[in-house]
C-alpha atoms as a PDB file:
ATOM      1  CA  MET A   1      24.265 -29.238 -43.140  1.00  0.00           C
ATOM      2  CA  THR A   2      21.300 -31.315 -44.191  1.00  0.00           C
ATOM      3  CA  SER A   3      17.846 -29.853 -44.136  1.00  0.00           C
ATOM      4  CA  LYS A   4      16.592 -32.348 -41.535  1.00  0.00           C
ATOM      5  CA  ARG A   5      19.460 -31.559 -39.188  1.00  0.00           C
ATOM      6  CA  TYR A   6      18.879 -27.822 -39.603  1.00  0.00           C
ATOM      7  CA  TYR A   7      15.192 -28.103 -38.703  1.00  0.00           C
ATOM      8  CA  LEU A   8      16.089 -30.341 -35.775  1.00  0.00           C
ATOM      9  CA  ILE A   9      18.463 -27.637 -34.487  1.00  0.00           C
ATOM     10  CA  VAL A  10      15.678 -25.043 -34.733  1.00  0.00           C
ATOM     11  CA  ILE A  11      13.200 -27.280 -32.893  1.00  0.00           C
ATOM     12  CA  VAL A  12      15.692 -28.213 -30.179  1.00  0.00           C
ATOM     13  CA  SER A  13      16.651 -24.563 -29.672  1.00  0.00           C
ATOM     14  CA  LEU A  14      12.992 -23.605 -29.230  1.00  0.00           C
ATOM     15  CA  ILE A  15      12.395 -26.496 -26.829  1.00  0.00           C
ATOM     16  CA  LEU A  16      15.464 -25.497 -24.811  1.00  0.00           C
ATOM     17  CA  ALA A  17      14.266 -21.878 -24.751  1.00  0.00           C
ATOM     18  CA  SER A  18      10.841 -23.070 -23.557  1.00  0.00           C
ATOM     19  CA  VAL A  19      12.396 -25.141 -20.781  1.00  0.00           C
ATOM     20  CA  LEU A  20      14.564 -22.213 -19.684  1.00  0.00           C
ATOM     21  CA  GLN A  21      11.510 -19.975 -19.756  1.00  0.00           C
ATOM     22  CA  LEU A  22       9.513 -22.375 -17.590  1.00  0.00           C
ATOM     23  CA  ILE A  23      12.182 -22.949 -14.931  1.00  0.00           C
ATOM     24  CA  PRO A  24      10.715 -21.613 -11.697  1.00  0.00           C
ATOM     25  CA  THR A  25      12.508 -18.707 -10.055  1.00  0.00           C
ATOM     26  CA  SER A  26      11.991 -16.886  -6.800  1.00  0.00           C
ATOM     27  CA  ALA A  27      10.034 -13.666  -6.753  1.00  0.00           C
ATOM     28  CA  ALA A  28      13.220 -11.701  -6.151  1.00  0.00           C
ATOM     29  CA  TRP A  29      14.837 -13.031  -9.343  1.00  0.00           C
ATOM     30  CA  LEU A  30      11.724 -13.037 -11.535  1.00  0.00           C
ATOM     31  CA  PRO A  31      12.260  -9.500 -12.920  1.00  0.00           C
ATOM     32  CA  TRP A  32      15.770 -10.537 -14.002  1.00  0.00           C
ATOM     33  CA  LYS A  33      14.568 -13.533 -16.009  1.00  0.00           C
ATOM     34  CA  PRO A  34      15.191 -13.096 -19.751  1.00  0.00           C
ATOM     35  CA  ASN A  35      12.517 -13.903 -22.301  1.00  0.00           C
ATOM     36  CA  PHE A  36      14.358 -16.827 -23.895  1.00  0.00           C
ATOM     37  CA  LEU A  37      11.663 -17.562 -26.477  1.00  0.00           C
ATOM     38  CA  LEU A  38      11.607 -14.003 -27.732  1.00  0.00           C
ATOM     39  CA  LEU A  39      15.400 -13.990 -27.917  1.00  0.00           C
ATOM     40  CA  MET A  40      15.363 -17.166 -30.035  1.00  0.00           C
ATOM     41  CA  VAL A  41      12.712 -15.692 -32.330  1.00  0.00           C
ATOM     42  CA  ILE A  42      14.772 -12.517 -32.744  1.00  0.00           C
ATOM     43  CA  GLY A  43      17.862 -14.599 -33.428  1.00  0.00           C
ATOM     44  CA  TRP A  44      16.363 -16.950 -36.000  1.00  0.00           C
ATOM     45  CA  ILE A  45      14.693 -14.074 -37.826  1.00  0.00           C
ATOM     46  CA  THR A  46      17.929 -12.079 -37.805  1.00  0.00           C
ATOM     47  CA  PHE A  47      20.108 -14.822 -39.254  1.00  0.00           C
ATOM     48  CA  GLN A  48      17.616 -16.672 -41.467  1.00  0.00           C
ATOM     49  CA  PRO A  49      14.907 -14.177 -42.530  1.00  0.00           C
ATOM     50  CA  ASN A  50      14.134 -16.165 -45.684  1.00  0.00           C
ATOM     51  CA  HIS A  51      13.218 -19.252 -43.662  1.00  0.00           C
ATOM     52  CA  TRP A  52      11.948 -17.766 -40.403  1.00  0.00           C
ATOM     53  CA  GLY A  53       9.873 -14.636 -40.680  1.00  0.00           C
ATOM     54  CA  ILE A  54       6.743 -13.114 -39.280  1.00  0.00           C
ATOM     55  CA  GLY A  55       4.763 -16.357 -39.580  1.00  0.00           C
ATOM     56  CA  PHE A  56       7.400 -18.125 -37.507  1.00  0.00           C
ATOM     57  CA  ALA A  57       7.157 -15.384 -34.862  1.00  0.00           C
ATOM     58  CA  ALA A  58       3.355 -15.704 -34.820  1.00  0.00           C
ATOM     59  CA  PHE A  59       3.556 -19.494 -34.462  1.00  0.00           C
ATOM     60  CA  VAL A  60       6.033 -19.327 -31.573  1.00  0.00           C
ATOM     61  CA  GLY A  61       3.911 -16.583 -29.976  1.00  0.00           C
ATOM     62  CA  PHE A  62       0.831 -18.797 -30.263  1.00  0.00           C
ATOM     63  CA  LEU A  63       2.653 -21.714 -28.643  1.00  0.00           C
ATOM     64  CA  THR A  64       3.858 -19.350 -25.916  1.00  0.00           C
ATOM     65  CA  ASP A  65       0.280 -18.259 -25.268  1.00  0.00           C
ATOM     66  CA  LEU A  66      -0.775 -21.891 -24.929  1.00  0.00           C
ATOM     67  CA  VAL A  67       2.119 -22.894 -22.678  1.00  0.00           C
ATOM     68  CA  PHE A  68       1.844 -19.884 -20.339  1.00  0.00           C
ATOM     69  CA  ARG A  69      -1.966 -19.818 -20.389  1.00  0.00           C
ATOM     70  CA  SER A  70      -1.858 -16.146 -21.226  1.00  0.00           C
ATOM     71  CA  PRO A  71      -4.678 -14.428 -23.099  1.00  0.00           C
ATOM     72  CA  LEU A  72      -4.687 -15.881 -26.586  1.00  0.00           C
ATOM     73  CA  GLY A  73      -3.029 -13.453 -28.941  1.00  0.00           C
ATOM     74  CA  LEU A  74      -0.923 -11.548 -26.405  1.00  0.00           C
ATOM     75  CA  HIS A  75       2.387 -13.201 -27.257  1.00  0.00           C
ATOM     76  CA  VAL A  76       1.376 -13.583 -30.892  1.00  0.00           C
ATOM     77  CA  PHE A  77       1.034  -9.814 -31.129  1.00  0.00           C
ATOM     78  CA  LEU A  78       4.232  -9.165 -29.156  1.00  0.00           C
ATOM     79  CA  PHE A  79       6.359 -11.672 -31.081  1.00  0.00           C
ATOM     80  CA  VAL A  80       5.082 -10.502 -34.468  1.00  0.00           C
ATOM     81  CA  PHE A  81       5.519  -6.840 -33.607  1.00  0.00           C
ATOM     82  CA  ILE A  82       8.995  -7.330 -32.137  1.00  0.00           C
ATOM     83  CA  GLY A  83      10.002  -9.895 -34.803  1.00  0.00           C
ATOM     84  CA  ALA A  84       9.101  -7.466 -37.573  1.00  0.00           C
ATOM     85  CA  VAL A  85      11.996  -5.177 -36.642  1.00  0.00           C
ATOM     86  CA  PRO A  86      14.820  -7.698 -37.191  1.00  0.00           C
ATOM     87  CA  TYR A  87      12.955  -8.994 -40.239  1.00  0.00           C
ATOM     88  CA  LEU A  88      12.914  -5.540 -41.798  1.00  0.00           C
ATOM     89  CA  LEU A  89      16.527  -4.875 -40.780  1.00  0.00           C
ATOM     90  CA  SER A  90      17.834  -8.365 -41.572  1.00  0.00           C
ATOM     91  CA  GLY A  91      19.828  -7.190 -44.574  1.00  0.00           C
ATOM     92  CA  TRP A  92      21.905  -5.021 -42.274  1.00  0.00           C
ATOM     93  CA  LEU A  93      21.874  -6.921 -38.984  1.00  0.00           C
ATOM     94  CA  ILE A  94      23.919  -9.820 -40.311  1.00  0.00           C
ATOM     95  CA  TYR A  95      26.825  -7.402 -40.853  1.00  0.00           C
ATOM     96  CA  PHE A  96      26.572  -5.772 -37.425  1.00  0.00           C
ATOM     97  CA  ASN A  97      28.918  -6.960 -34.725  1.00  0.00           C
ATOM     98  CA  VAL A  98      27.616  -8.560 -31.558  1.00  0.00           C
ATOM     99  CA  ILE A  99      27.678  -5.273 -29.594  1.00  0.00           C
ATOM    100  CA  HIS A 100      25.362  -3.575 -32.079  1.00  0.00           C
ATOM    101  CA  ARG A 101      23.016  -6.545 -32.055  1.00  0.00           C
ATOM    102  CA  CYS A 102      23.047  -6.416 -28.236  1.00  0.00           C
ATOM    103  CA  VAL A 103      21.920  -2.798 -28.373  1.00  0.00           C
ATOM    104  CA  LEU A 104      19.102  -3.734 -30.740  1.00  0.00           C
ATOM    105  CA  VAL A 105      18.063  -6.651 -28.507  1.00  0.00           C
ATOM    106  CA  PHE A 106      18.072  -4.338 -25.478  1.00  0.00           C
ATOM    107  CA  ILE A 107      15.794  -1.865 -27.255  1.00  0.00           C
ATOM    108  CA  LEU A 108      13.479  -4.628 -28.497  1.00  0.00           C
ATOM    109  CA  ILE A 109      13.164  -6.263 -25.070  1.00  0.00           C
ATOM    110  CA  ILE A 110      12.488  -2.886 -23.415  1.00  0.00           C
ATOM    111  CA  PHE A 111       9.811  -2.157 -26.000  1.00  0.00           C
ATOM    112  CA  SER A 112       8.355  -5.649 -25.602  1.00  0.00           C
ATOM    113  CA  GLY A 113       8.135  -5.234 -21.827  1.00  0.00           C
ATOM    114  CA  PHE A 114       6.443  -1.867 -22.089  1.00  0.00           C
ATOM    115  CA  LEU A 115       4.030  -3.117 -24.739  1.00  0.00           C
ATOM    116  CA  SER A 116       3.174  -6.212 -22.701  1.00  0.00           C
ATOM    117  CA  ASN A 117       2.582  -4.167 -19.561  1.00  0.00           C
ATOM    118  CA  LEU A 118       0.482  -1.703 -21.541  1.00  0.00           C
ATOM    119  CA  MET A 119      -1.710  -4.519 -22.836  1.00  0.00           C
ATOM    120  CA  TYR A 120      -2.123  -5.973 -19.338  1.00  0.00           C
ATOM    121  CA  SER A 121      -3.016  -2.538 -17.945  1.00  0.00           C
ATOM    122  CA  VAL A 122      -5.690  -2.150 -20.638  1.00  0.00           C
ATOM    123  CA  TRP A 123      -7.252  -5.350 -19.269  1.00  0.00           C
ATOM    124  CA  GLY A 124      -7.184  -3.902 -15.758  1.00  0.00           C
ATOM    125  CA  VAL A 125      -4.279  -5.964 -14.441  1.00  0.00           C
ATOM    126  CA  PRO A 126      -2.025  -3.913 -12.161  1.00  0.00           C
ATOM    127  CA  VAL A 127       1.495  -3.780 -13.593  1.00  0.00           C
ATOM    128  CA  GLY A 128       4.774  -2.138 -12.682  1.00  0.00           C
ATOM    129  CA  TYR A 129       7.076  -0.731 -15.312  1.00  0.00           C
ATOM    130  CA  GLY A 130      10.123  -0.686 -13.025  1.00  0.00           C
ATOM    131  CA  ASP A 131      11.034  -4.312 -13.750  1.00  0.00           C
ATOM    132  CA  VAL A 132      11.217  -3.929 -17.523  1.00  0.00           C
ATOM    133  CA  PRO A 133      14.873  -2.743 -17.677  1.00  0.00           C
ATOM    134  CA  LEU A 134      16.006  -5.628 -15.457  1.00  0.00           C
ATOM    135  CA  GLY A 135      14.751  -8.231 -17.933  1.00  0.00           C
ATOM    136  CA  ALA A 136      16.343  -6.308 -20.779  1.00  0.00           C
ATOM    137  CA  ILE A 137      19.705  -6.217 -19.012  1.00  0.00           C
ATOM    138  CA  SER A 138      19.658  -9.965 -18.388  1.00  0.00           C
ATOM    139  CA  SER A 139      18.576 -10.587 -21.981  1.00  0.00           C
ATOM    140  CA  VAL A 140      21.529  -8.557 -23.257  1.00  0.00           C
ATOM    141  CA  LEU A 141      23.852 -10.590 -21.044  1.00  0.00           C
ATOM    142  CA  ILE A 142      22.478 -13.844 -22.501  1.00  0.00           C
ATOM    143  CA  TRP A 143      22.347 -12.595 -26.099  1.00  0.00           C
ATOM    144  CA  PRO A 144      26.062 -13.081 -26.990  1.00  0.00           C
ATOM    145  CA  LEU A 145      25.715 -16.827 -26.293  1.00  0.00           C
ATOM    146  CA  ILE A 146      22.640 -17.078 -28.500  1.00  0.00           C
ATOM    147  CA  ASP A 147      24.277 -14.890 -31.129  1.00  0.00           C
ATOM    148  CA  ARG A 148      27.397 -17.048 -31.249  1.00  0.00           C
ATOM    149  CA  PHE A 149      25.315 -20.225 -31.542  1.00  0.00           C
ATOM    150  CA  LEU A 150      23.235 -18.799 -34.374  1.00  0.00           C
ATOM    151  CA  VAL A 151      26.285 -17.455 -36.217  1.00  0.00           C
ATOM    152  CA  LYS A 152      27.805 -20.956 -36.188  1.00  0.00           C
ATOM    153  CA  VAL A 153      24.553 -22.500 -37.442  1.00  0.00           C
ATOM    154  CA  HIS A 154      24.301 -19.815 -40.133  1.00  0.00           C
ATOM    155  CA  GLU A 155      27.887 -20.430 -41.285  1.00  0.00           C
ATOM    156  CA  LYS A 156      27.328 -24.194 -41.509  1.00  0.00           C
ATOM    157  CA  ARG A 157      24.056 -23.634 -43.365  1.00  0.00           C
ATOM    158  CA  ARG A 158      25.801 -21.752 -46.212  1.00  0.00           C
END
């Protein structure tokens, strides 16, 4: 796979994740909505830690802050903090099967939700922690599709 095509795949995957993240949903389904951008960051860092690391997570977090008009630095902090785990474990994660990576994604999304709600509560925004597991469950259900896509890209990249 050529370098230009590889970077195009990364950009298109992030654009698709952004579009999926911005699709409006009803209030009843909002807690079930996965964080597609965070899943893509976790995936790219897991399978290509030499190319996409903490700086990549910070950049995508910054773009997420701009797109969602959230307080500048909120998603940067979350994406860097959550992205550091697969970066540090990347030597092992590539050999895990998809079930083990699903468990890791579940834990990371739960932690991300709690950390995000904690930061909002520090700013005085009322938050509920009951919706955090719902987003993690939907993220785990989506993860095998993302995982399979990234495994194929990783195999072609070799």
